[in-house]
Amino acid sequence: KKEDLRKEPENSRLWRELGSLYQDLKKWKHAKAAYKKALEVNPQDLFAIDRIGSLQETMFDEQIGSLEAKIEELANAEGKEAELEELQDKLEKSRAQSVKFKTKEYERKVKAHPTDYELKLIFGGLLLEGGSFDEAIEQFQKAVKDPKFKVRAQNSMGLCFQKKGVHAIAMTQYQEALSGVADPDSDIAKDIRYNLATAAEESGEYDSALEHYQVIMATDIGFRDVSQRVDGLMQKKQG
């Protein structure tokens, strides 16, 4: 690739391809330099802009993964409490920085690619994670127009409304999402039904919540904390 670039140093595509090779080798600085060179020779190269953003995302993911692995390794070790606390603090900060960066990056991508509904879905998820529920709902309401993302967008919208305390709308979104799932025993179906159950429980509809938890429990008793949820609601009913 370097030989090709010696022949065509003004070819931004070749610089991007070089950056991708460095990225595969996890040579982040070299990859970033190559992508920046692609932009230098062609400031209108939108692909290079996307690659720089994706590279930063990958670096955050690698950093977070490395910290999680170290924390898991030290979790049961004796005399490592201080080191473990320091690593957990670093992990929390890295996650916050990652969400902040990715939110800005996907905001840019959504503006650059207004007809890409998957980008809207991802951007909405980042806004949800960052606590910007109204802005997230706006993105999900757009993403729901694409049949491929409708179920996931409705489920995510339900989470936003649930976080806002608007349980009636949240439950409607979950029910609509659930009706669009072909396999009632699939992971996505269980996830949506669990969310529906928690929303019902939070709004005081205990019988409805119990029914949904039990449907999950009948096929997957180990799903999240569904068994404890059922036990807790049964005790409430007996009380």
C-alpha atoms as a PDB file:
ATOM      1  CA  LYS A   1       0.000   0.000   0.000  1.00  0.00           C
ATOM      2  CA  LYS A   2       2.886   2.337   0.710  1.00  0.00           C
ATOM      3  CA  GLU A   3       4.316   1.501  -2.697  1.00  0.00           C
ATOM      4  CA  ASP A   4       0.981   2.466  -4.278  1.00  0.00           C
ATOM      5  CA  LEU A   5       1.005   5.741  -2.345  1.00  0.00           C
ATOM      6  CA  ARG A   6       4.481   6.599  -3.598  1.00  0.00           C
ATOM      7  CA  LYS A   7       2.978   6.480  -7.091  1.00  0.00           C
ATOM      8  CA  GLU A   8      -0.263   8.282  -6.135  1.00  0.00           C
ATOM      9  CA  PRO A   9       0.363  10.398  -3.020  1.00  0.00           C
ATOM     10  CA  GLU A  10      -2.762  12.504  -3.641  1.00  0.00           C
ATOM     11  CA  ASN A  11      -5.108   9.511  -3.686  1.00  0.00           C
ATOM     12  CA  SER A  12      -7.218   9.782  -0.495  1.00  0.00           C
ATOM     13  CA  ARG A  13      -8.682   6.290  -0.971  1.00  0.00           C
ATOM     14  CA  LEU A  14      -5.202   4.760  -0.720  1.00  0.00           C
ATOM     15  CA  TRP A  15      -4.512   6.713   2.483  1.00  0.00           C
ATOM     16  CA  ARG A  16      -7.805   5.429   3.913  1.00  0.00           C
ATOM     17  CA  GLU A  17      -6.883   1.867   3.003  1.00  0.00           C
ATOM     18  CA  LEU A  18      -3.500   2.292   4.657  1.00  0.00           C
ATOM     19  CA  GLY A  19      -5.260   3.574   7.773  1.00  0.00           C
ATOM     20  CA  SER A  20      -7.519   0.517   7.784  1.00  0.00           C
ATOM     21  CA  LEU A  21      -4.503  -1.791   7.637  1.00  0.00           C
ATOM     22  CA  TYR A  22      -2.875  -0.005  10.574  1.00  0.00           C
ATOM     23  CA  GLN A  23      -6.194  -0.174  12.426  1.00  0.00           C
ATOM     24  CA  ASP A  24      -6.313  -3.951  11.888  1.00  0.00           C
ATOM     25  CA  LEU A  25      -2.861  -4.104  13.467  1.00  0.00           C
ATOM     26  CA  LYS A  26      -4.105  -1.927  16.345  1.00  0.00           C
ATOM     27  CA  LYS A  27      -1.509   0.715  15.541  1.00  0.00           C
ATOM     28  CA  TRP A  28      -3.883   3.520  16.428  1.00  0.00           C
ATOM     29  CA  LYS A  29      -1.534   6.500  15.964  1.00  0.00           C
ATOM     30  CA  HIS A  30      -0.427   5.324  12.535  1.00  0.00           C
ATOM     31  CA  ALA A  31      -4.043   4.684  11.518  1.00  0.00           C
ATOM     32  CA  LYS A  32      -5.150   8.128  12.662  1.00  0.00           C
ATOM     33  CA  ALA A  33      -2.258   9.781  10.836  1.00  0.00           C
ATOM     34  CA  ALA A  34      -3.181   7.974   7.604  1.00  0.00           C
ATOM     35  CA  TYR A  35      -6.842   8.991   7.860  1.00  0.00           C
ATOM     36  CA  LYS A  36      -5.835  12.594   8.534  1.00  0.00           C
ATOM     37  CA  LYS A  37      -3.573  12.475   5.484  1.00  0.00           C
ATOM     38  CA  ALA A  38      -6.570  11.297   3.421  1.00  0.00           C
ATOM     39  CA  LEU A  39      -8.447  14.384   4.590  1.00  0.00           C
ATOM     40  CA  GLU A  40      -5.452  16.595   3.936  1.00  0.00           C
ATOM     41  CA  VAL A  41      -5.265  15.556   0.279  1.00  0.00           C
ATOM     42  CA  ASN A  42      -9.067  15.583  -0.073  1.00  0.00           C
ATOM     43  CA  PRO A  43     -10.954  17.695   2.523  1.00  0.00           C
ATOM     44  CA  GLN A  44     -14.274  16.479   1.038  1.00  0.00           C
ATOM     45  CA  ASP A  45     -13.532  12.802   1.770  1.00  0.00           C
ATOM     46  CA  LEU A  46     -16.506  11.948   4.024  1.00  0.00           C
ATOM     47  CA  PHE A  47     -15.334   8.352   4.298  1.00  0.00           C
ATOM     48  CA  ALA A  48     -12.107   9.527   5.949  1.00  0.00           C
ATOM     49  CA  ILE A  49     -14.100  11.588   8.439  1.00  0.00           C
ATOM     50  CA  ASP A  50     -16.180   8.501   9.274  1.00  0.00           C
ATOM     51  CA  ARG A  51     -13.036   6.375   9.634  1.00  0.00           C
ATOM     52  CA  ILE A  52     -11.483   8.802  12.114  1.00  0.00           C
ATOM     53  CA  GLY A  53     -14.641   8.683  14.224  1.00  0.00           C
ATOM     54  CA  SER A  54     -14.859   4.896  14.010  1.00  0.00           C
ATOM     55  CA  LEU A  55     -11.205   4.623  15.014  1.00  0.00           C
ATOM     56  CA  GLN A  56     -11.815   6.665  18.162  1.00  0.00           C
ATOM     57  CA  GLU A  57     -14.835   4.486  18.967  1.00  0.00           C
ATOM     58  CA  THR A  58     -12.679   1.361  18.597  1.00  0.00           C
ATOM     59  CA  MET A  59     -10.017   2.848  20.875  1.00  0.00           C
ATOM     60  CA  PHE A  60     -12.623   3.555  23.557  1.00  0.00           C
ATOM     61  CA  ASP A  61     -14.046   0.033  23.216  1.00  0.00           C
ATOM     62  CA  GLU A  62     -10.571  -1.493  23.516  1.00  0.00           C
ATOM     63  CA  GLN A  63      -9.794   0.602  26.593  1.00  0.00           C
ATOM     64  CA  ILE A  64     -13.094  -0.313  28.261  1.00  0.00           C
ATOM     65  CA  GLY A  65     -12.655  -4.001  27.419  1.00  0.00           C
ATOM     66  CA  SER A  66      -9.144  -4.006  28.868  1.00  0.00           C
ATOM     67  CA  LEU A  67     -10.299  -2.358  32.107  1.00  0.00           C
ATOM     68  CA  GLU A  68     -13.220  -4.789  32.449  1.00  0.00           C
ATOM     69  CA  ALA A  69     -10.841  -7.738  32.034  1.00  0.00           C
ATOM     70  CA  LYS A  70      -8.474  -6.377  34.699  1.00  0.00           C
ATOM     71  CA  ILE A  71     -11.360  -5.764  37.105  1.00  0.00           C
ATOM     72  CA  GLU A  72     -12.660  -9.302  36.596  1.00  0.00           C
ATOM     73  CA  GLU A  73      -9.168 -10.658  37.220  1.00  0.00           C
ATOM     74  CA  LEU A  74      -8.848  -8.738  40.504  1.00  0.00           C
ATOM     75  CA  ALA A  75     -12.450  -9.203  41.652  1.00  0.00           C
ATOM     76  CA  ASN A  76     -11.707 -12.096  44.019  1.00  0.00           C
ATOM     77  CA  ALA A  77      -8.078 -11.289  44.787  1.00  0.00           C
ATOM     78  CA  GLU A  78      -7.150 -10.442  48.377  1.00  0.00           C
ATOM     79  CA  GLY A  79      -5.396  -7.185  49.233  1.00  0.00           C
ATOM     80  CA  LYS A  80      -6.248  -5.589  45.882  1.00  0.00           C
ATOM     81  CA  GLU A  81      -9.172  -3.449  47.067  1.00  0.00           C
ATOM     82  CA  ALA A  82      -7.455  -0.093  46.439  1.00  0.00           C
ATOM     83  CA  GLU A  83      -6.265  -1.125  42.969  1.00  0.00           C
ATOM     84  CA  LEU A  84      -9.721  -2.497  42.161  1.00  0.00           C
ATOM     85  CA  GLU A  85     -11.397   0.744  43.234  1.00  0.00           C
ATOM     86  CA  GLU A  86      -8.992   2.761  41.080  1.00  0.00           C
ATOM     87  CA  LEU A  87      -9.704   0.567  38.048  1.00  0.00           C
ATOM     88  CA  GLN A  88     -13.473   0.837  38.567  1.00  0.00           C
ATOM     89  CA  ASP A  89     -13.150   4.625  38.731  1.00  0.00           C
ATOM     90  CA  LYS A  90     -11.169   4.598  35.461  1.00  0.00           C
ATOM     91  CA  LEU A  91     -13.782   2.340  33.875  1.00  0.00           C
ATOM     92  CA  GLU A  92     -16.624   4.639  34.873  1.00  0.00           C
ATOM     93  CA  LYS A  93     -14.801   7.661  33.439  1.00  0.00           C
ATOM     94  CA  SER A  94     -13.928   5.809  30.218  1.00  0.00           C
ATOM     95  CA  ARG A  95     -17.530   4.765  29.712  1.00  0.00           C
ATOM     96  CA  ALA A  96     -18.751   8.327  30.247  1.00  0.00           C
ATOM     97  CA  GLN A  97     -16.158   9.694  27.805  1.00  0.00           C
ATOM     98  CA  SER A  98     -17.067   7.009  25.279  1.00  0.00           C
ATOM     99  CA  VAL A  99     -20.789   7.802  25.423  1.00  0.00           C
ATOM    100  CA  LYS A 100     -20.089  11.543  25.144  1.00  0.00           C
ATOM    101  CA  PHE A 101     -17.842  11.085  22.119  1.00  0.00           C
ATOM    102  CA  LYS A 102     -20.104   8.563  20.375  1.00  0.00           C
ATOM    103  CA  THR A 103     -23.147  10.773  20.925  1.00  0.00           C
ATOM    104  CA  LYS A 104     -21.445  13.681  19.135  1.00  0.00           C
ATOM    105  CA  GLU A 105     -20.116  11.380  16.427  1.00  0.00           C
ATOM    106  CA  TYR A 106     -23.511   9.828  15.672  1.00  0.00           C
ATOM    107  CA  GLU A 107     -25.162  13.235  15.733  1.00  0.00           C
ATOM    108  CA  ARG A 108     -22.768  14.174  12.932  1.00  0.00           C
ATOM    109  CA  LYS A 109     -23.428  10.910  11.082  1.00  0.00           C
ATOM    110  CA  VAL A 110     -27.207  11.324  11.305  1.00  0.00           C
ATOM    111  CA  LYS A 111     -26.934  14.807   9.801  1.00  0.00           C
ATOM    112  CA  ALA A 112     -24.588  13.557   7.078  1.00  0.00           C
ATOM    113  CA  HIS A 113     -26.787  10.533   6.252  1.00  0.00           C
ATOM    114  CA  PRO A 114     -30.399  11.667   6.890  1.00  0.00           C
ATOM    115  CA  THR A 115     -31.987   8.582   5.266  1.00  0.00           C
ATOM    116  CA  ASP A 116     -29.982   6.025   7.287  1.00  0.00           C
ATOM    117  CA  TYR A 117     -32.451   4.833   9.939  1.00  0.00           C
ATOM    118  CA  GLU A 118     -29.963   2.510  11.610  1.00  0.00           C
ATOM    119  CA  LEU A 119     -27.813   5.523  12.490  1.00  0.00           C
ATOM    120  CA  LYS A 120     -30.880   7.152  14.065  1.00  0.00           C
ATOM    121  CA  LEU A 121     -31.472   4.000  16.121  1.00  0.00           C
ATOM    122  CA  ILE A 122     -27.874   3.959  17.378  1.00  0.00           C
ATOM    123  CA  PHE A 123     -27.886   7.707  18.042  1.00  0.00           C
ATOM    124  CA  GLY A 124     -31.129   7.338  19.989  1.00  0.00           C
ATOM    125  CA  GLY A 125     -29.586   4.569  22.073  1.00  0.00           C
ATOM    126  CA  LEU A 126     -26.651   6.792  22.994  1.00  0.00           C
ATOM    127  CA  LEU A 127     -28.988   9.653  23.909  1.00  0.00           C
ATOM    128  CA  LEU A 128     -31.000   7.224  26.057  1.00  0.00           C
ATOM    129  CA  GLU A 129     -27.813   6.052  27.776  1.00  0.00           C
ATOM    130  CA  GLY A 130     -26.869   9.682  28.434  1.00  0.00           C
ATOM    131  CA  GLY A 131     -30.272  10.506  29.933  1.00  0.00           C
ATOM    132  CA  SER A 132     -31.532  12.721  27.074  1.00  0.00           C
ATOM    133  CA  PHE A 133     -34.868  10.926  26.847  1.00  0.00           C
ATOM    134  CA  ASP A 134     -36.876  13.415  24.761  1.00  0.00           C
ATOM    135  CA  GLU A 135     -34.106  13.712  22.165  1.00  0.00           C
ATOM    136  CA  ALA A 136     -33.776   9.909  22.101  1.00  0.00           C
ATOM    137  CA  ILE A 137     -37.527   9.467  21.544  1.00  0.00           C
ATOM    138  CA  GLU A 138     -37.329  11.834  18.580  1.00  0.00           C
ATOM    139  CA  GLN A 139     -34.698   9.599  16.947  1.00  0.00           C
ATOM    140  CA  PHE A 140     -36.606   6.388  17.687  1.00  0.00           C
ATOM    141  CA  GLN A 141     -39.795   7.874  16.233  1.00  0.00           C
ATOM    142  CA  LYS A 142     -37.884   8.340  12.985  1.00  0.00           C
ATOM    143  CA  ALA A 143     -36.151   4.943  13.086  1.00  0.00           C
ATOM    144  CA  VAL A 144     -39.482   3.157  13.596  1.00  0.00           C
ATOM    145  CA  LYS A 145     -40.394   4.017   9.984  1.00  0.00           C
ATOM    146  CA  ASP A 146     -37.942   1.372   8.754  1.00  0.00           C
ATOM    147  CA  PRO A 147     -39.496  -2.119   9.202  1.00  0.00           C
ATOM    148  CA  LYS A 148     -36.050  -3.590   9.943  1.00  0.00           C
ATOM    149  CA  PHE A 149     -35.659  -1.441  13.048  1.00  0.00           C
ATOM    150  CA  LYS A 150     -39.294  -0.994  14.111  1.00  0.00           C
ATOM    151  CA  VAL A 151     -39.318  -3.515  16.977  1.00  0.00           C
ATOM    152  CA  ARG A 152     -36.038  -2.319  18.467  1.00  0.00           C
ATOM    153  CA  ALA A 153     -37.054   1.337  18.105  1.00  0.00           C
ATOM    154  CA  GLN A 154     -40.418   0.736  19.821  1.00  0.00           C
ATOM    155  CA  ASN A 155     -38.745  -1.171  22.660  1.00  0.00           C
ATOM    156  CA  SER A 156     -36.240   1.659  23.126  1.00  0.00           C
ATOM    157  CA  MET A 157     -39.013   4.258  23.007  1.00  0.00           C
ATOM    158  CA  GLY A 158     -40.760   2.322  25.738  1.00  0.00           C
ATOM    159  CA  LEU A 159     -37.618   2.529  27.876  1.00  0.00           C
ATOM    160  CA  CYS A 160     -37.472   6.303  27.369  1.00  0.00           C
ATOM    161  CA  PHE A 161     -41.101   6.828  28.378  1.00  0.00           C
ATOM    162  CA  GLN A 162     -40.620   4.481  31.332  1.00  0.00           C
ATOM    163  CA  LYS A 163     -37.585   6.495  32.478  1.00  0.00           C
ATOM    164  CA  LYS A 164     -39.744   9.642  32.197  1.00  0.00           C
ATOM    165  CA  GLY A 165     -42.416   8.001  34.358  1.00  0.00           C
ATOM    166  CA  VAL A 166     -45.012   7.920  31.558  1.00  0.00           C
ATOM    167  CA  HIS A 167     -45.841   4.266  32.066  1.00  0.00           C
ATOM    168  CA  ALA A 168     -49.042   4.126  29.987  1.00  0.00           C
ATOM    169  CA  ILE A 169     -47.232   5.160  26.788  1.00  0.00           C
ATOM    170  CA  ALA A 170     -44.252   2.972  27.695  1.00  0.00           C
ATOM    171  CA  MET A 171     -46.470  -0.108  28.001  1.00  0.00           C
ATOM    172  CA  THR A 172     -48.205   0.689  24.702  1.00  0.00           C
ATOM    173  CA  GLN A 173     -44.812   0.855  22.967  1.00  0.00           C
ATOM    174  CA  TYR A 174     -43.724  -2.456  24.520  1.00  0.00           C
ATOM    175  CA  GLN A 175     -46.969  -4.165  23.501  1.00  0.00           C
ATOM    176  CA  GLU A 176     -46.652  -2.927  19.921  1.00  0.00           C
ATOM    177  CA  ALA A 177     -43.010  -4.053  19.819  1.00  0.00           C
ATOM    178  CA  LEU A 178     -43.952  -7.474  21.201  1.00  0.00           C
ATOM    179  CA  SER A 179     -46.647  -7.918  18.551  1.00  0.00           C
ATOM    180  CA  GLY A 180     -43.984  -7.481  15.879  1.00  0.00           C
ATOM    181  CA  VAL A 181     -41.768 -10.338  17.141  1.00  0.00           C
ATOM    182  CA  ALA A 182     -42.280 -13.630  15.292  1.00  0.00           C
ATOM    183  CA  ASP A 183     -40.782 -15.925  17.967  1.00  0.00           C
ATOM    184  CA  PRO A 184     -42.296 -15.313  21.445  1.00  0.00           C
ATOM    185  CA  ASP A 185     -39.429 -17.250  23.070  1.00  0.00           C
ATOM    186  CA  SER A 186     -36.635 -15.277  21.400  1.00  0.00           C
ATOM    187  CA  ASP A 187     -34.236 -13.115  23.406  1.00  0.00           C
ATOM    188  CA  ILE A 188     -35.716  -9.894  22.017  1.00  0.00           C
ATOM    189  CA  ALA A 189     -39.240 -11.052  22.930  1.00  0.00           C
ATOM    190  CA  LYS A 190     -38.159 -11.855  26.496  1.00  0.00           C
ATOM    191  CA  ASP A 191     -36.375  -8.512  26.764  1.00  0.00           C
ATOM    192  CA  ILE A 192     -39.473  -6.589  25.624  1.00  0.00           C
ATOM    193  CA  ARG A 193     -41.818  -8.599  27.848  1.00  0.00           C
ATOM    194  CA  TYR A 194     -39.525  -8.046  30.830  1.00  0.00           C
ATOM    195  CA  ASN A 195     -39.571  -4.292  30.181  1.00  0.00           C
ATOM    196  CA  LEU A 196     -43.353  -4.428  29.877  1.00  0.00           C
ATOM    197  CA  ALA A 197     -43.573  -6.272  33.184  1.00  0.00           C
ATOM    198  CA  THR A 198     -41.327  -3.788  35.013  1.00  0.00           C
ATOM    199  CA  ALA A 199     -43.377  -0.864  33.669  1.00  0.00           C
ATOM    200  CA  ALA A 200     -46.592  -2.542  34.844  1.00  0.00           C
ATOM    201  CA  GLU A 201     -45.044  -3.248  38.253  1.00  0.00           C
ATOM    202  CA  GLU A 202     -43.844   0.359  38.626  1.00  0.00           C
ATOM    203  CA  SER A 203     -47.343   1.645  37.816  1.00  0.00           C
ATOM    204  CA  GLY A 204     -48.929  -0.652  40.426  1.00  0.00           C
ATOM    205  CA  GLU A 205     -50.445  -3.153  37.966  1.00  0.00           C
ATOM    206  CA  TYR A 206     -49.094  -6.140  39.878  1.00  0.00           C
ATOM    207  CA  ASP A 207     -51.337  -8.831  38.381  1.00  0.00           C
ATOM    208  CA  SER A 208     -50.359  -7.818  34.854  1.00  0.00           C
ATOM    209  CA  ALA A 209     -46.678  -7.634  35.791  1.00  0.00           C
ATOM    210  CA  LEU A 210     -46.810 -11.061  37.445  1.00  0.00           C
ATOM    211  CA  GLU A 211     -48.452 -12.573  34.366  1.00  0.00           C
ATOM    212  CA  HIS A 212     -45.698 -11.263  32.078  1.00  0.00           C
ATOM    213  CA  TYR A 213     -42.910 -12.376  34.415  1.00  0.00           C
ATOM    214  CA  GLN A 214     -44.440 -15.846  34.610  1.00  0.00           C
ATOM    215  CA  VAL A 215     -44.603 -16.140  30.819  1.00  0.00           C
ATOM    216  CA  ILE A 216     -40.837 -15.532  30.727  1.00  0.00           C
ATOM    217  CA  MET A 217     -40.245 -17.805  33.703  1.00  0.00           C
ATOM    218  CA  ALA A 218     -42.105 -20.671  32.013  1.00  0.00           C
ATOM    219  CA  THR A 219     -39.511 -20.817  29.226  1.00  0.00           C
ATOM    220  CA  ASP A 220     -36.387 -19.310  30.833  1.00  0.00           C
ATOM    221  CA  ILE A 221     -36.261 -19.242  34.641  1.00  0.00           C
ATOM    222  CA  GLY A 222     -32.700 -17.881  34.532  1.00  0.00           C
ATOM    223  CA  PHE A 223     -33.590 -14.763  32.559  1.00  0.00           C
ATOM    224  CA  ARG A 224     -32.302 -11.766  34.501  1.00  0.00           C
ATOM    225  CA  ASP A 225     -33.965 -11.585  37.950  1.00  0.00           C
ATOM    226  CA  VAL A 226     -37.370 -12.832  36.750  1.00  0.00           C
ATOM    227  CA  SER A 227     -37.558 -15.577  39.415  1.00  0.00           C
ATOM    228  CA  GLN A 228     -36.959 -13.095  42.253  1.00  0.00           C
ATOM    229  CA  ARG A 229     -39.473 -10.692  40.692  1.00  0.00           C
ATOM    230  CA  VAL A 230     -42.143 -13.398  40.652  1.00  0.00           C
ATOM    231  CA  ASP A 231     -41.390 -14.370  44.270  1.00  0.00           C
ATOM    232  CA  GLY A 232     -41.612 -10.742  45.358  1.00  0.00           C
ATOM    233  CA  LEU A 233     -44.968 -10.143  43.669  1.00  0.00           C
ATOM    234  CA  MET A 234     -46.358 -13.427  45.003  1.00  0.00           C
ATOM    235  CA  GLN A 235     -45.451 -12.313  48.519  1.00  0.00           C
ATOM    236  CA  LYS A 236     -47.159  -8.961  47.915  1.00  0.00           C
ATOM    237  CA  LYS A 237     -50.324 -10.740  46.809  1.00  0.00           C
ATOM    238  CA  GLN A 238     -50.279 -13.017  49.845  1.00  0.00           C
ATOM    239  CA  GLY A 239     -49.746  -9.987  52.074  1.00  0.00           C
END
